[in-house]
Full PDB file with SEQRES, HELIX, SHEET, SSBOND, CRYST1, ORIGX, SCALE, CONECT and MASTER records, all heavy atoms in Angstrom:
SEQRES   1 A   45  ILE TYR VAL GLN ASP ILE ALA GLU GLN MET LEU LEU ALA          
SEQRES   2 A   45  GLY VAL ASP ARG TYR ALA PRO GLU VAL GLU ALA ALA GLY          
SEQRES   3 A   45  VAL THR LEU HIS PHE SER VAL SER ASP ALA MET ASN LEU          
SEQRES   4 A   45  PRO PHE VAL GLY GLN PHE                                      
HELIX    1 AA1 GLU A    8  ALA A   24  1                                  17    
SHEET    1 AA1 2 TYR A   2  ASP A   5  0                                        
SHEET    2 AA1 2 HIS A  30  VAL A  33  1                                        
CRYST1    1.000    1.000    1.000  90.00  90.00  90.00 P 1           1          
ORIGX1      1.000000  0.000000  0.000000        0.00000                         
ORIGX2      0.000000  1.000000  0.000000        0.00000                         
ORIGX3      0.000000  0.000000  1.000000        0.00000                         
SCALE1      1.000000  0.000000  0.000000        0.00000                         
SCALE2      0.000000  1.000000  0.000000        0.00000                         
SCALE3      0.000000  0.000000  1.000000        0.00000                         
ATOM      1  N   ILE A   1      57.576  40.323 -70.696  1.00  0.00           N  
ATOM      2  CA  ILE A   1      57.159  40.860 -69.404  1.00  0.00           C  
ATOM      3  C   ILE A   1      56.161  41.973 -69.661  1.00  0.00           C  
ATOM      4  O   ILE A   1      56.444  42.903 -70.429  1.00  0.00           O  
ATOM      5  CB  ILE A   1      58.338  41.418 -68.595  1.00  0.00           C  
ATOM      6  CG1 ILE A   1      59.425  40.354 -68.416  1.00  0.00           C  
ATOM      7  CG2 ILE A   1      57.858  41.902 -67.230  1.00  0.00           C  
ATOM      8  CD1 ILE A   1      60.697  40.879 -67.754  1.00  0.00           C  
ATOM      9  N   TYR A   2      54.996  41.871 -69.040  1.00  0.00           N  
ATOM     10  CA  TYR A   2      53.967  42.901 -69.128  1.00  0.00           C  
ATOM     11  C   TYR A   2      54.015  43.697 -67.828  1.00  0.00           C  
ATOM     12  O   TYR A   2      53.851  43.137 -66.744  1.00  0.00           O  
ATOM     13  CB  TYR A   2      52.601  42.270 -69.331  1.00  0.00           C  
ATOM     14  CG  TYR A   2      52.455  41.665 -70.713  1.00  0.00           C  
ATOM     15  CD1 TYR A   2      53.066  40.454 -71.028  1.00  0.00           C  
ATOM     16  CD2 TYR A   2      51.724  42.320 -71.707  1.00  0.00           C  
ATOM     17  CE1 TYR A   2      52.953  39.901 -72.290  1.00  0.00           C  
ATOM     18  CE2 TYR A   2      51.605  41.776 -72.976  1.00  0.00           C  
ATOM     19  CZ  TYR A   2      52.227  40.563 -73.262  1.00  0.00           C  
ATOM     20  OH  TYR A   2      52.114  40.033 -74.519  1.00  0.00           O  
ATOM     21  N   VAL A   3      54.256  44.988 -67.963  1.00  0.00           N  
ATOM     22  CA  VAL A   3      54.546  45.849 -66.819  1.00  0.00           C  
ATOM     23  C   VAL A   3      53.377  46.802 -66.605  1.00  0.00           C  
ATOM     24  O   VAL A   3      53.042  47.583 -67.485  1.00  0.00           O  
ATOM     25  CB  VAL A   3      55.845  46.649 -67.059  1.00  0.00           C  
ATOM     26  CG1 VAL A   3      56.296  47.326 -65.776  1.00  0.00           C  
ATOM     27  CG2 VAL A   3      56.941  45.753 -67.623  1.00  0.00           C  
ATOM     28  N   GLN A   4      52.757  46.748 -65.416  1.00  0.00           N  
ATOM     29  CA  GLN A   4      51.537  47.513 -65.150  1.00  0.00           C  
ATOM     30  C   GLN A   4      51.690  48.372 -63.918  1.00  0.00           C  
ATOM     31  O   GLN A   4      52.258  47.958 -62.917  1.00  0.00           O  
ATOM     32  CB  GLN A   4      50.357  46.532 -64.972  1.00  0.00           C  
ATOM     33  CG  GLN A   4      49.034  47.143 -64.617  1.00  0.00           C  
ATOM     34  CD  GLN A   4      48.867  47.483 -63.125  1.00  0.00           C  
ATOM     35  OE1 GLN A   4      49.486  46.857 -62.269  1.00  0.00           O  
ATOM     36  NE2 GLN A   4      48.063  48.489 -62.819  1.00  0.00           N  
ATOM     37  N   ASP A   5      51.158  49.593 -63.994  1.00  0.00           N  
ATOM     38  CA  ASP A   5      51.008  50.443 -62.818  1.00  0.00           C  
ATOM     39  C   ASP A   5      49.969  51.500 -63.145  1.00  0.00           C  
ATOM     40  O   ASP A   5      49.840  51.899 -64.304  1.00  0.00           O  
ATOM     41  CB  ASP A   5      52.326  51.102 -62.413  1.00  0.00           C  
ATOM     42  CG  ASP A   5      52.336  51.503 -60.932  1.00  0.00           C  
ATOM     43  OD1 ASP A   5      51.559  52.404 -60.569  1.00  0.00           O  
ATOM     44  OD2 ASP A   5      53.093  50.885 -60.165  1.00  0.00           O  
ATOM     45  N   ILE A   6      49.240  51.946 -62.127  1.00  0.00           N  
ATOM     46  CA  ILE A   6      48.219  52.975 -62.352  1.00  0.00           C  
ATOM     47  C   ILE A   6      48.801  54.382 -62.242  1.00  0.00           C  
ATOM     48  O   ILE A   6      48.179  55.353 -62.661  1.00  0.00           O  
ATOM     49  CB  ILE A   6      47.039  52.786 -61.380  1.00  0.00           C  
ATOM     50  CG1 ILE A   6      45.795  53.515 -61.896  1.00  0.00           C  
ATOM     51  CG2 ILE A   6      47.426  53.228 -59.959  1.00  0.00           C  
ATOM     52  CD1 ILE A   6      44.506  53.137 -61.191  1.00  0.00           C  
ATOM     53  N   ALA A   7      50.025  54.487 -61.694  1.00  0.00           N  
ATOM     54  CA  ALA A   7      50.697  55.780 -61.584  1.00  0.00           C  
ATOM     55  C   ALA A   7      51.543  55.996 -62.836  1.00  0.00           C  
ATOM     56  O   ALA A   7      52.613  55.400 -62.992  1.00  0.00           O  
ATOM     57  CB  ALA A   7      51.561  55.833 -60.333  1.00  0.00           C  
ATOM     58  N   GLU A   8      51.069  56.842 -63.721  1.00  0.00           N  
ATOM     59  CA  GLU A   8      51.737  57.049 -65.012  1.00  0.00           C  
ATOM     60  C   GLU A   8      53.167  57.550 -64.833  1.00  0.00           C  
ATOM     61  O   GLU A   8      54.085  57.096 -65.532  1.00  0.00           O  
ATOM     62  CB  GLU A   8      50.928  58.031 -65.854  1.00  0.00           C  
ATOM     63  CG  GLU A   8      51.514  58.278 -67.232  1.00  0.00           C  
ATOM     64  CD  GLU A   8      50.634  59.183 -68.085  1.00  0.00           C  
ATOM     65  OE1 GLU A   8      49.534  59.563 -67.629  1.00  0.00           O  
ATOM     66  OE2 GLU A   8      51.058  59.519 -69.204  1.00  0.00           O  
ATOM     67  N   GLN A   9      53.371  58.463 -63.905  1.00  0.00           N  
ATOM     68  CA  GLN A   9      54.698  59.041 -63.717  1.00  0.00           C  
ATOM     69  C   GLN A   9      55.718  57.972 -63.337  1.00  0.00           C  
ATOM     70  O   GLN A   9      56.850  57.963 -63.844  1.00  0.00           O  
ATOM     71  CB  GLN A   9      54.650  60.127 -62.640  1.00  0.00           C  
ATOM     72  CG  GLN A   9      53.822  61.336 -63.000  1.00  0.00           C  
ATOM     73  CD  GLN A   9      52.339  61.169 -62.679  1.00  0.00           C  
ATOM     74  OE1 GLN A   9      51.859  60.047 -62.448  1.00  0.00           O  
ATOM     75  NE2 GLN A   9      51.611  62.267 -62.630  1.00  0.00           N  
ATOM     76  N   MET A  10      55.331  57.063 -62.449  1.00  0.00           N  
ATOM     77  CA  MET A  10      56.225  55.998 -62.033  1.00  0.00           C  
ATOM     78  C   MET A  10      56.502  55.037 -63.187  1.00  0.00           C  
ATOM     79  O   MET A  10      57.652  54.666 -63.443  1.00  0.00           O  
ATOM     80  CB  MET A  10      55.612  55.226 -60.859  1.00  0.00           C  
ATOM     81  CG  MET A  10      55.601  55.981 -59.545  1.00  0.00           C  
ATOM     82  SD  MET A  10      57.242  56.111 -58.790  1.00  0.00           S  
ATOM     83  CE  MET A  10      57.459  54.448 -58.159  1.00  0.00           C  
ATOM     84  N   LEU A  11      55.461  54.634 -63.874  1.00  0.00           N  
ATOM     85  CA  LEU A  11      55.624  53.651 -64.946  1.00  0.00           C  
ATOM     86  C   LEU A  11      56.517  54.181 -66.059  1.00  0.00           C  
ATOM     87  O   LEU A  11      57.396  53.467 -66.559  1.00  0.00           O  
ATOM     88  CB  LEU A  11      54.258  53.255 -65.505  1.00  0.00           C  
ATOM     89  CG  LEU A  11      54.349  52.072 -66.476  1.00  0.00           C  
ATOM     90  CD1 LEU A  11      54.300  50.759 -65.706  1.00  0.00           C  
ATOM     91  CD2 LEU A  11      53.237  52.109 -67.505  1.00  0.00           C  
ATOM     92  N   LEU A  12      56.312  55.420 -66.466  1.00  0.00           N  
ATOM     93  CA  LEU A  12      57.116  55.978 -67.550  1.00  0.00           C  
ATOM     94  C   LEU A  12      58.573  56.122 -67.144  1.00  0.00           C  
ATOM     95  O   LEU A  12      59.475  56.017 -67.984  1.00  0.00           O  
ATOM     96  CB  LEU A  12      56.533  57.316 -67.998  1.00  0.00           C  
ATOM     97  CG  LEU A  12      55.128  57.241 -68.613  1.00  0.00           C  
ATOM     98  CD1 LEU A  12      54.681  58.606 -69.093  1.00  0.00           C  
ATOM     99  CD2 LEU A  12      55.080  56.228 -69.759  1.00  0.00           C  
ATOM    100  N   ALA A  13      58.819  56.333 -65.855  1.00  0.00           N  
ATOM    101  CA  ALA A  13      60.208  56.335 -65.374  1.00  0.00           C  
ATOM    102  C   ALA A  13      60.825  54.952 -65.570  1.00  0.00           C  
ATOM    103  O   ALA A  13      61.998  54.824 -65.934  1.00  0.00           O  
ATOM    104  CB  ALA A  13      60.263  56.736 -63.904  1.00  0.00           C  
ATOM    105  N   GLY A  14      60.030  53.905 -65.357  1.00  0.00           N  
ATOM    106  CA  GLY A  14      60.504  52.544 -65.566  1.00  0.00           C  
ATOM    107  C   GLY A  14      60.826  52.266 -67.021  1.00  0.00           C  
ATOM    108  O   GLY A  14      61.787  51.547 -67.333  1.00  0.00           O  
ATOM    109  N   VAL A  15      60.035  52.829 -67.920  1.00  0.00           N  
ATOM    110  CA  VAL A  15      60.318  52.682 -69.351  1.00  0.00           C  
ATOM    111  C   VAL A  15      61.693  53.256 -69.663  1.00  0.00           C  
ATOM    112  O   VAL A  15      62.528  52.614 -70.318  1.00  0.00           O  
ATOM    113  CB  VAL A  15      59.242  53.390 -70.199  1.00  0.00           C  
ATOM    114  CG1 VAL A  15      59.605  53.327 -71.682  1.00  0.00           C  
ATOM    115  CG2 VAL A  15      57.863  52.769 -69.962  1.00  0.00           C  
ATOM    116  N   ASP A  16      61.940  54.458 -69.196  1.00  0.00           N  
ATOM    117  CA  ASP A  16      63.214  55.121 -69.475  1.00  0.00           C  
ATOM    118  C   ASP A  16      64.393  54.387 -68.846  1.00  0.00           C  
ATOM    119  O   ASP A  16      65.464  54.268 -69.445  1.00  0.00           O  
ATOM    120  CB  ASP A  16      63.187  56.560 -68.949  1.00  0.00           C  
ATOM    121  CG  ASP A  16      62.206  57.441 -69.714  1.00  0.00           C  
ATOM    122  OD1 ASP A  16      61.871  57.100 -70.866  1.00  0.00           O  
ATOM    123  OD2 ASP A  16      61.766  58.459 -69.140  1.00  0.00           O  
ATOM    124  N   ARG A  17      64.178  53.884 -67.634  1.00  0.00           N  
ATOM    125  CA  ARG A  17      65.289  53.273 -66.904  1.00  0.00           C  
ATOM    126  C   ARG A  17      65.675  51.887 -67.407  1.00  0.00           C  
ATOM    127  O   ARG A  17      66.848  51.537 -67.454  1.00  0.00           O  
ATOM    128  CB  ARG A  17      64.939  53.176 -65.415  1.00  0.00           C  
ATOM    129  CG  ARG A  17      64.887  54.496 -64.691  1.00  0.00           C  
ATOM    130  CD  ARG A  17      64.543  54.271 -63.218  1.00  0.00           C  
ATOM    131  NE  ARG A  17      64.534  55.519 -62.449  1.00  0.00           N  
ATOM    132  CZ  ARG A  17      64.395  55.585 -61.139  1.00  0.00           C  
ATOM    133  NH1 ARG A  17      64.233  54.479 -60.436  1.00  0.00           N  
ATOM    134  NH2 ARG A  17      64.403  56.757 -60.526  1.00  0.00           N  
ATOM    135  N   TYR A  18      64.670  51.074 -67.736  1.00  0.00           N  
ATOM    136  CA  TYR A  18      64.954  49.654 -67.935  1.00  0.00           C  
ATOM    137  C   TYR A  18      64.654  49.085 -69.318  1.00  0.00           C  
ATOM    138  O   TYR A  18      65.164  48.013 -69.645  1.00  0.00           O  
ATOM    139  CB  TYR A  18      64.191  48.833 -66.890  1.00  0.00           C  
ATOM    140  CG  TYR A  18      64.643  49.115 -65.492  1.00  0.00           C  
ATOM    141  CD1 TYR A  18      63.834  49.827 -64.598  1.00  0.00           C  
ATOM    142  CD2 TYR A  18      65.889  48.699 -65.038  1.00  0.00           C  
ATOM    143  CE1 TYR A  18      64.253  50.099 -63.305  1.00  0.00           C  
ATOM    144  CE2 TYR A  18      66.315  48.968 -63.747  1.00  0.00           C  
ATOM    145  CZ  TYR A  18      65.495  49.667 -62.880  1.00  0.00           C  
ATOM    146  OH  TYR A  18      65.913  49.934 -61.603  1.00  0.00           O  
ATOM    147  N   ALA A  19      63.833  49.742 -70.125  1.00  0.00           N  
ATOM    148  CA  ALA A  19      63.460  49.162 -71.420  1.00  0.00           C  
ATOM    149  C   ALA A  19      64.674  48.841 -72.287  1.00  0.00           C  
ATOM    150  O   ALA A  19      64.787  47.726 -72.820  1.00  0.00           O  
ATOM    151  CB  ALA A  19      62.479  50.077 -72.142  1.00  0.00           C  
ATOM    152  N   PRO A  20      65.620  49.753 -72.481  1.00  0.00           N  
ATOM    153  CA  PRO A  20      66.767  49.424 -73.348  1.00  0.00           C  
ATOM    154  C   PRO A  20      67.574  48.239 -72.830  1.00  0.00           C  
ATOM    155  O   PRO A  20      67.927  47.336 -73.598  1.00  0.00           O  
ATOM    156  CB  PRO A  20      67.593  50.718 -73.325  1.00  0.00           C  
ATOM    157  CG  PRO A  20      66.620  51.795 -72.980  1.00  0.00           C  
ATOM    158  CD  PRO A  20      65.661  51.151 -72.021  1.00  0.00           C  
ATOM    159  N   GLU A  21      67.848  48.219 -71.519  1.00  0.00           N  
ATOM    160  CA  GLU A  21      68.658  47.149 -70.934  1.00  0.00           C  
ATOM    161  C   GLU A  21      67.980  45.789 -71.048  1.00  0.00           C  
ATOM    162  O   GLU A  21      68.600  44.795 -71.458  1.00  0.00           O  
ATOM    163  CB  GLU A  21      68.914  47.479 -69.460  1.00  0.00           C  
ATOM    164  CG  GLU A  21      69.553  46.355 -68.662  1.00  0.00           C  
ATOM    165  CD  GLU A  21      69.548  46.627 -67.158  1.00  0.00           C  
ATOM    166  OE1 GLU A  21      69.262  47.774 -66.745  1.00  0.00           O  
ATOM    167  OE2 GLU A  21      69.812  45.686 -66.405  1.00  0.00           O  
ATOM    168  N   VAL A  22      66.694  45.733 -70.703  1.00  0.00           N  
ATOM    169  CA  VAL A  22      65.984  44.450 -70.703  1.00  0.00           C  
ATOM    170  C   VAL A  22      65.778  43.931 -72.117  1.00  0.00           C  
ATOM    171  O   VAL A  22      65.979  42.743 -72.400  1.00  0.00           O  
ATOM    172  CB  VAL A  22      64.630  44.600 -69.971  1.00  0.00           C  
ATOM    173  CG1 VAL A  22      63.771  43.351 -70.171  1.00  0.00           C  
ATOM    174  CG2 VAL A  22      64.859  44.856 -68.488  1.00  0.00           C  
ATOM    175  N   GLU A  23      65.394  44.801 -73.028  1.00  0.00           N  
ATOM    176  CA  GLU A  23      65.143  44.349 -74.396  1.00  0.00           C  
ATOM    177  C   GLU A  23      66.437  43.970 -75.098  1.00  0.00           C  
ATOM    178  O   GLU A  23      66.443  43.083 -75.954  1.00  0.00           O  
ATOM    179  CB  GLU A  23      64.371  45.417 -75.158  1.00  0.00           C  
ATOM    180  CG  GLU A  23      62.965  45.595 -74.566  1.00  0.00           C  
ATOM    181  CD  GLU A  23      62.063  46.477 -75.405  1.00  0.00           C  
ATOM    182  OE1 GLU A  23      62.598  47.334 -76.151  1.00  0.00           O  
ATOM    183  OE2 GLU A  23      60.842  46.297 -75.313  1.00  0.00           O  
ATOM    184  N   ALA A  24      67.546  44.585 -74.716  1.00  0.00           N  
ATOM    185  CA  ALA A  24      68.841  44.191 -75.269  1.00  0.00           C  
ATOM    186  C   ALA A  24      69.213  42.777 -74.837  1.00  0.00           C  
ATOM    187  O   ALA A  24      69.973  42.082 -75.522  1.00  0.00           O  
ATOM    188  CB  ALA A  24      69.923  45.174 -74.823  1.00  0.00           C  
ATOM    189  N   ALA A  25      68.638  42.339 -73.702  1.00  0.00           N  
ATOM    190  CA  ALA A  25      68.905  40.984 -73.206  1.00  0.00           C  
ATOM    191  C   ALA A  25      68.005  39.939 -73.854  1.00  0.00           C  
ATOM    192  O   ALA A  25      68.076  38.760 -73.511  1.00  0.00           O  
ATOM    193  CB  ALA A  25      68.728  40.950 -71.694  1.00  0.00           C  
ATOM    194  N   GLY A  26      67.149  40.378 -74.783  1.00  0.00           N  
ATOM    195  CA  GLY A  26      66.315  39.430 -75.524  1.00  0.00           C  
ATOM    196  C   GLY A  26      64.910  39.259 -75.003  1.00  0.00           C  
ATOM    197  O   GLY A  26      64.144  38.446 -75.521  1.00  0.00           O  
ATOM    198  N   VAL A  27      64.510  40.022 -73.987  1.00  0.00           N  
ATOM    199  CA  VAL A  27      63.169  39.913 -73.398  1.00  0.00           C  
ATOM    200  C   VAL A  27      62.319  41.095 -73.872  1.00  0.00           C  
ATOM    201  O   VAL A  27      62.776  42.242 -73.847  1.00  0.00           O  
ATOM    202  CB  VAL A  27      63.244  39.895 -71.867  1.00  0.00           C  
ATOM    203  CG1 VAL A  27      61.849  39.936 -71.248  1.00  0.00           C  
ATOM    204  CG2 VAL A  27      63.985  38.646 -71.394  1.00  0.00           C  
ATOM    205  N   THR A  28      61.110  40.816 -74.318  1.00  0.00           N  
ATOM    206  CA  THR A  28      60.204  41.853 -74.795  1.00  0.00           C  
ATOM    207  C   THR A  28      59.418  42.445 -73.640  1.00  0.00           C  
ATOM    208  O   THR A  28      58.897  41.717 -72.794  1.00  0.00           O  
ATOM    209  CB  THR A  28      59.221  41.277 -75.834  1.00  0.00           C  
ATOM    210  OG1 THR A  28      59.969  40.708 -76.915  1.00  0.00           O  
ATOM    211  CG2 THR A  28      58.305  42.360 -76.383  1.00  0.00           C  
ATOM    212  N   LEU A  29      59.330  43.772 -73.608  1.00  0.00           N  
ATOM    213  CA  LEU A  29      58.573  44.469 -72.571  1.00  0.00           C  
ATOM    214  C   LEU A  29      57.323  45.111 -73.157  1.00  0.00           C  
ATOM    215  O   LEU A  29      57.351  45.656 -74.258  1.00  0.00           O  
ATOM    216  CB  LEU A  29      59.432  45.565 -71.927  1.00  0.00           C  
ATOM    217  CG  LEU A  29      60.597  45.123 -71.034  1.00  0.00           C  
ATOM    218  CD1 LEU A  29      61.384  46.341 -70.582  1.00  0.00           C  
ATOM    219  CD2 LEU A  29      60.095  44.336 -69.838  1.00  0.00           C  
ATOM    220  N   HIS A  30      56.227  45.048 -72.395  1.00  0.00           N  
ATOM    221  CA  HIS A  30      54.983  45.732 -72.742  1.00  0.00           C  
ATOM    222  C   HIS A  30      54.544  46.521 -71.511  1.00  0.00           C  
ATOM    223  O   HIS A  30      54.275  45.931 -70.465  1.00  0.00           O  
ATOM    224  CB  HIS A  30      53.882  44.734 -73.122  1.00  0.00           C  
ATOM    225  CG  HIS A  30      54.264  43.776 -74.201  1.00  0.00           C  
ATOM    226  ND1 HIS A  30      54.188  44.085 -75.530  1.00  0.00           N  
ATOM    227  CD2 HIS A  30      54.741  42.505 -74.126  1.00  0.00           C  
ATOM    228  CE1 HIS A  30      54.585  43.043 -76.252  1.00  0.00           C  
ATOM    229  NE2 HIS A  30      54.927  42.069 -75.414  1.00  0.00           N  
ATOM    230  N   PHE A  31      54.483  47.832 -71.616  1.00  0.00           N  
ATOM    231  CA  PHE A  31      54.079  48.680 -70.502  1.00  0.00           C  
ATOM    232  C   PHE A  31      52.641  49.145 -70.707  1.00  0.00           C  
ATOM    233  O   PHE A  31      52.228  49.449 -71.830  1.00  0.00           O  
ATOM    234  CB  PHE A  31      54.982  49.913 -70.410  1.00  0.00           C  
ATOM    235  CG  PHE A  31      56.401  49.615 -69.991  1.00  0.00           C  
ATOM    236  CD1 PHE A  31      57.357  49.261 -70.929  1.00  0.00           C  
ATOM    237  CD2 PHE A  31      56.773  49.693 -68.659  1.00  0.00           C  
ATOM    238  CE1 PHE A  31      58.667  48.993 -70.544  1.00  0.00           C  
ATOM    239  CE2 PHE A  31      58.082  49.434 -68.261  1.00  0.00           C  
ATOM    240  CZ  PHE A  31      59.031  49.084 -69.211  1.00  0.00           C  
ATOM    241  N   SER A  32      51.886  49.231 -69.612  1.00  0.00           N  
ATOM    242  CA  SER A  32      50.545  49.825 -69.679  1.00  0.00           C  
ATOM    243  C   SER A  32      50.242  50.566 -68.391  1.00  0.00           C  
ATOM    244  O   SER A  32      50.573  50.089 -67.296  1.00  0.00           O  
ATOM    245  CB  SER A  32      49.474  48.755 -69.933  1.00  0.00           C  
ATOM    246  OG  SER A  32      49.270  47.952 -68.797  1.00  0.00           O  
ATOM    247  N   VAL A  33      49.633  51.740 -68.537  1.00  0.00           N  
ATOM    248  CA  VAL A  33      49.091  52.455 -67.385  1.00  0.00           C  
ATOM    249  C   VAL A  33      47.673  51.928 -67.217  1.00  0.00           C  
ATOM    250  O   VAL A  33      46.812  52.152 -68.066  1.00  0.00           O  
ATOM    251  CB  VAL A  33      49.087  53.982 -67.625  1.00  0.00           C  
ATOM    252  CG1 VAL A  33      48.554  54.709 -66.401  1.00  0.00           C  
ATOM    253  CG2 VAL A  33      50.487  54.469 -67.982  1.00  0.00           C  
ATOM    254  N   SER A  34      47.450  51.183 -66.163  1.00  0.00           N  
ATOM    255  CA  SER A  34      46.170  50.479 -66.029  1.00  0.00           C  
ATOM    256  C   SER A  34      45.879  50.184 -64.574  1.00  0.00           C  
ATOM    257  O   SER A  34      46.710  50.403 -63.689  1.00  0.00           O  
ATOM    258  CB  SER A  34      46.197  49.177 -66.848  1.00  0.00           C  
ATOM    259  OG  SER A  34      47.312  48.373 -66.482  1.00  0.00           O  
ATOM    260  N   ASP A  35      44.696  49.673 -64.334  1.00  0.00           N  
ATOM    261  CA  ASP A  35      44.214  49.375 -62.990  1.00  0.00           C  
ATOM    262  C   ASP A  35      44.443  47.900 -62.692  1.00  0.00           C  
ATOM    263  O   ASP A  35      43.905  47.031 -63.394  1.00  0.00           O  
ATOM    264  CB  ASP A  35      42.725  49.730 -62.906  1.00  0.00           C  
ATOM    265  CG  ASP A  35      42.156  49.594 -61.507  1.00  0.00           C  
ATOM    266  OD1 ASP A  35      42.860  49.080 -60.618  1.00  0.00           O  
ATOM    267  OD2 ASP A  35      40.997  50.008 -61.308  1.00  0.00           O  
ATOM    268  N   ALA A  36      45.204  47.598 -61.662  1.00  0.00           N  
ATOM    269  CA  ALA A  36      45.478  46.202 -61.305  1.00  0.00           C  
ATOM    270  C   ALA A  36      44.224  45.461 -60.885  1.00  0.00           C  
ATOM    271  O   ALA A  36      44.211  44.225 -60.860  1.00  0.00           O  
ATOM    272  CB  ALA A  36      46.516  46.142 -60.190  1.00  0.00           C  
ATOM    273  N   MET A  37      43.154  46.184 -60.555  1.00  0.00           N  
ATOM    274  CA  MET A  37      41.895  45.547 -60.178  1.00  0.00           C  
ATOM    275  C   MET A  37      40.960  45.365 -61.366  1.00  0.00           C  
ATOM    276  O   MET A  37      39.849  44.864 -61.223  1.00  0.00           O  
ATOM    277  CB  MET A  37      41.216  46.384 -59.085  1.00  0.00           C  
ATOM    278  CG  MET A  37      42.013  46.429 -57.788  1.00  0.00           C  
ATOM    279  SD  MET A  37      41.280  47.524 -56.552  1.00  0.00           S  
ATOM    280  CE  MET A  37      41.530  49.119 -57.341  1.00  0.00           C  
ATOM    281  N   ASN A  38      41.439  45.754 -62.563  1.00  0.00           N  
ATOM    282  CA  ASN A  38      40.657  45.587 -63.789  1.00  0.00           C  
ATOM    283  C   ASN A  38      41.636  45.474 -64.948  1.00  0.00           C  
ATOM    284  O   ASN A  38      41.742  46.365 -65.785  1.00  0.00           O  
ATOM    285  CB  ASN A  38      39.705  46.766 -63.984  1.00  0.00           C  
ATOM    286  CG  ASN A  38      38.763  46.567 -65.155  1.00  0.00           C  
ATOM    287  OD1 ASN A  38      38.421  45.442 -65.518  1.00  0.00           O  
ATOM    288  ND2 ASN A  38      38.336  47.653 -65.775  1.00  0.00           N  
ATOM    289  N   LEU A  39      42.346  44.367 -65.006  1.00  0.00           N  
ATOM    290  CA  LEU A  39      43.432  44.196 -65.961  1.00  0.00           C  
ATOM    291  C   LEU A  39      42.918  44.016 -67.395  1.00  0.00           C  
ATOM    292  O   LEU A  39      41.918  43.330 -67.613  1.00  0.00           O  
ATOM    293  CB  LEU A  39      44.281  42.984 -65.573  1.00  0.00           C  
ATOM    294  CG  LEU A  39      45.048  43.118 -64.251  1.00  0.00           C  
ATOM    295  CD1 LEU A  39      45.629  41.775 -63.838  1.00  0.00           C  
ATOM    296  CD2 LEU A  39      46.160  44.157 -64.385  1.00  0.00           C  
ATOM    297  N   PRO A  40      43.630  44.582 -68.372  1.00  0.00           N  
ATOM    298  CA  PRO A  40      43.198  44.492 -69.772  1.00  0.00           C  
ATOM    299  C   PRO A  40      43.725  43.244 -70.489  1.00  0.00           C  
ATOM    300  O   PRO A  40      44.368  43.327 -71.538  1.00  0.00           O  
ATOM    301  CB  PRO A  40      43.792  45.776 -70.378  1.00  0.00           C  
ATOM    302  CG  PRO A  40      45.059  45.975 -69.622  1.00  0.00           C  
ATOM    303  CD  PRO A  40      44.777  45.515 -68.212  1.00  0.00           C  
ATOM    304  N   PHE A  41      43.464  42.081 -69.908  1.00  0.00           N  
ATOM    305  CA  PHE A  41      43.951  40.829 -70.479  1.00  0.00           C  
ATOM    306  C   PHE A  41      42.883  39.746 -70.359  1.00  0.00           C  
ATOM    307  O   PHE A  41      42.126  39.720 -69.389  1.00  0.00           O  
ATOM    308  CB  PHE A  41      45.209  40.341 -69.748  1.00  0.00           C  
ATOM    309  CG  PHE A  41      46.321  41.351 -69.692  1.00  0.00           C  
ATOM    310  CD1 PHE A  41      46.610  42.010 -68.514  1.00  0.00           C  
ATOM    311  CD2 PHE A  41      47.073  41.637 -70.813  1.00  0.00           C  
ATOM    312  CE1 PHE A  41      47.621  42.951 -68.442  1.00  0.00           C  
ATOM    313  CE2 PHE A  41      48.099  42.573 -70.764  1.00  0.00           C  
ATOM    314  CZ  PHE A  41      48.367  43.233 -69.584  1.00  0.00           C  
ATOM    315  N   VAL A  42      42.877  38.852 -71.323  1.00  0.00           N  
ATOM    316  CA  VAL A  42      41.978  37.701 -71.249  1.00  0.00           C  
ATOM    317  C   VAL A  42      42.466  36.764 -70.146  1.00  0.00           C  
ATOM    318  O   VAL A  42      43.610  36.849 -69.693  1.00  0.00           O  
ATOM    319  CB  VAL A  42      41.932  36.941 -72.594  1.00  0.00           C  
ATOM    320  CG1 VAL A  42      41.369  37.829 -73.689  1.00  0.00           C  
ATOM    321  CG2 VAL A  42      43.318  36.429 -72.980  1.00  0.00           C  
ATOM    322  N   GLY A  43      41.609  35.865 -69.724  1.00  0.00           N  
ATOM    323  CA  GLY A  43      41.965  34.927 -68.674  1.00  0.00           C  
ATOM    324  C   GLY A  43      43.044  33.954 -69.101  1.00  0.00           C  
ATOM    325  O   GLY A  43      43.164  33.597 -70.270  1.00  0.00           O  
ATOM    326  N   GLN A  44      43.869  33.548 -68.133  1.00  0.00           N  
ATOM    327  CA  GLN A  44      44.924  32.553 -68.311  1.00  0.00           C  
ATOM    328  C   GLN A  44      45.905  32.922 -69.423  1.00  0.00           C  
ATOM    329  O   GLN A  44      46.401  32.069 -70.156  1.00  0.00           O  
ATOM    330  CB  GLN A  44      44.317  31.161 -68.567  1.00  0.00           C  
ATOM    331  CG  GLN A  44      43.433  30.690 -67.434  1.00  0.00           C  
ATOM    332  CD  GLN A  44      43.147  29.205 -67.453  1.00  0.00           C  
ATOM    333  OE1 GLN A  44      44.015  28.406 -67.809  1.00  0.00           O  
ATOM    334  NE2 GLN A  44      41.957  28.827 -67.063  1.00  0.00           N  
ATOM    335  N   PHE A  45      46.201  34.199 -69.526  1.00  0.00           N  
ATOM    336  CA  PHE A  45      47.096  34.697 -70.573  1.00  0.00           C  
ATOM    337  C   PHE A  45      48.564  34.563 -70.178  1.00  0.00           C  
ATOM    338  O   PHE A  45      49.437  34.417 -71.034  1.00  0.00           O  
ATOM    339  CB  PHE A  45      46.758  36.172 -70.851  1.00  0.00           C  
ATOM    340  CG  PHE A  45      47.557  36.802 -71.953  1.00  0.00           C  
ATOM    341  CD1 PHE A  45      47.347  36.457 -73.273  1.00  0.00           C  
ATOM    342  CD2 PHE A  45      48.517  37.752 -71.662  1.00  0.00           C  
ATOM    343  CE1 PHE A  45      48.081  37.039 -74.289  1.00  0.00           C  
ATOM    344  CE2 PHE A  45      49.258  38.347 -72.672  1.00  0.00           C  
ATOM    345  CZ  PHE A  45      49.040  37.991 -73.986  1.00  0.00           C  
TER     346      PHE A  45                                                      
MASTER        0    0    0    1    2    0    0    6  345    1    0    4          
END                                                                             
């Protein structure tokens, strides 16, 4: 799961709240503070 938000304060709260629980369930998380209108990913990723 790639997790994006432009509000750093909100996103980092999500890291603290959910990263341990989700990754313990076997799912990898990637967080980025970024612009949803200019995503840092190649097409069809």
